[in-house]
Amino acid sequence: MAIAFIGDPAVVILDEPTSGMDPQSRRFTWDVIRGFKVDKGISILLTTHFMDEADILSDRVAIMSKVRRCTFKLVQPVLKPRQVSAIEPEM
């Protein structure tokens, strides 16, 4: 993951960066990611299966299932009940 942040990129893509980590390492990694996002203003595209991770690290969340439905929501916690709008992808 460290290599992704070398050279002050404008955008970093992270594919499940905390998969397989113990809880303490996961939280440390979250702090590192948040630090780059907040302090350096880097945009981060993150894929994850952990909804708590998406809630903690994201400003925007897109949920995809079988590529037929994509749900997109701004700045509201994913784990709490809320009204969502669906965006149907073009096939």
Protein backbone atom coordinates (compact mmCIF):
# COMPACT_ATOMS: atom_id res chain seq x y z
CA MET A 1 0.00 0.00 0.00
CA ALA A 2 2.86 2.40 0.75
CA ILE A 3 4.00 2.35 -2.88
CA ALA A 4 0.58 3.69 -3.95
CA PHE A 5 1.19 6.94 -2.06
CA ILE A 6 4.72 7.63 -3.36
CA GLY A 7 5.00 10.80 -5.43
CA ASP A 8 1.92 12.59 -4.07
CA PRO A 9 -0.63 11.18 -6.52
CA ALA A 10 -3.97 12.91 -7.06
CA VAL A 11 -5.84 9.57 -6.98
CA VAL A 12 -5.00 6.23 -5.33
CA ILE A 13 -6.89 2.99 -6.03
CA LEU A 14 -6.88 0.47 -3.18
CA ASP A 15 -8.37 -3.00 -3.66
CA GLU A 16 -9.34 -4.40 -0.25
CA PRO A 17 -6.34 -2.92 1.58
CA THR A 18 -7.19 -4.46 4.97
CA SER A 19 -8.29 -7.91 3.86
CA GLY A 20 -6.73 -10.54 6.12
CA MET A 21 -5.47 -8.07 8.74
CA ASP A 22 -6.01 -8.37 12.47
CA PRO A 23 -8.26 -5.69 14.04
CA GLN A 24 -5.38 -3.58 15.39
CA SER A 25 -3.57 -3.50 12.03
CA ARG A 26 -6.85 -2.72 10.27
CA ARG A 27 -7.47 0.32 12.43
CA PHE A 28 -3.88 1.52 11.99
CA THR A 29 -4.26 1.18 8.21
CA TRP A 30 -7.53 3.13 8.36
CA ASP A 31 -5.71 5.94 10.18
CA VAL A 32 -2.99 5.99 7.51
CA ILE A 33 -5.54 6.11 4.69
CA ARG A 34 -7.54 8.86 6.42
CA GLY A 35 -4.34 10.81 6.99
CA PHE A 36 -3.49 10.84 3.30
CA LYS A 37 -7.06 11.71 2.42
CA VAL A 38 -7.38 14.59 4.89
CA ASP A 39 -3.83 15.96 5.14
CA LYS A 40 -2.74 15.57 1.51
CA GLY A 41 -6.14 15.87 -0.20
CA ILE A 42 -5.65 12.63 -2.11
CA SER A 43 -8.76 11.07 -3.65
CA ILE A 44 -8.99 7.38 -2.79
CA LEU A 45 -11.02 4.78 -4.67
CA LEU A 46 -11.47 1.86 -2.31
CA THR A 47 -13.01 -1.57 -2.82
CA THR A 48 -14.00 -3.52 0.27
CA HIS A 49 -16.34 -6.20 1.53
CA PHE A 50 -16.40 -4.58 4.99
CA MET A 51 -19.29 -2.15 5.41
CA ASP A 52 -17.75 -0.66 8.56
CA GLU A 53 -14.61 0.13 6.56
CA ALA A 54 -16.69 1.80 3.85
CA ASP A 55 -18.51 3.88 6.48
CA ILE A 56 -15.33 4.99 8.20
CA LEU A 57 -13.21 5.80 5.15
CA SER A 58 -15.71 7.02 2.56
CA ASP A 59 -17.42 10.24 1.60
CA ARG A 60 -19.37 8.40 -1.10
CA VAL A 61 -20.39 4.75 -1.28
CA ALA A 62 -21.42 2.70 -4.32
CA ILE A 63 -22.80 -0.79 -3.75
CA MET A 64 -22.79 -3.19 -6.69
CA SER A 65 -24.51 -6.55 -6.91
CA LYS A 66 -24.29 -8.77 -9.97
CA VAL A 67 -23.62 -5.59 -12.01
CA ARG A 68 -27.35 -5.09 -12.43
CA ARG A 69 -27.84 -2.57 -9.65
CA CYS A 70 -25.55 0.11 -8.37
CA THR A 71 -26.64 2.03 -5.29
CA PHE A 72 -24.84 5.31 -4.67
CA LYS A 73 -25.12 7.42 -1.54
CA LEU A 74 -23.31 10.51 -0.26
CA VAL A 75 -21.85 10.93 3.24
CA GLN A 76 -24.46 8.92 5.14
CA PRO A 77 -23.54 5.82 7.10
CA VAL A 78 -24.15 2.63 5.15
CA LEU A 79 -25.03 0.59 8.22
CA LYS A 80 -27.94 2.79 9.33
CA PRO A 81 -31.38 2.57 7.67
CA ARG A 82 -31.86 5.24 5.05
CA GLN A 83 -33.47 5.97 1.75
CA VAL A 84 -31.21 5.14 -1.19
CA SER A 85 -31.47 5.78 -4.87
CA ALA A 86 -30.47 3.22 -7.44
CA ILE A 87 -28.50 3.87 -10.60
CA GLU A 88 -28.97 1.27 -13.31
CA PRO A 89 -25.71 0.74 -15.23
CA GLU A 90 -25.81 0.69 -19.00
CA MET A 91 -25.28 -2.75 -20.48
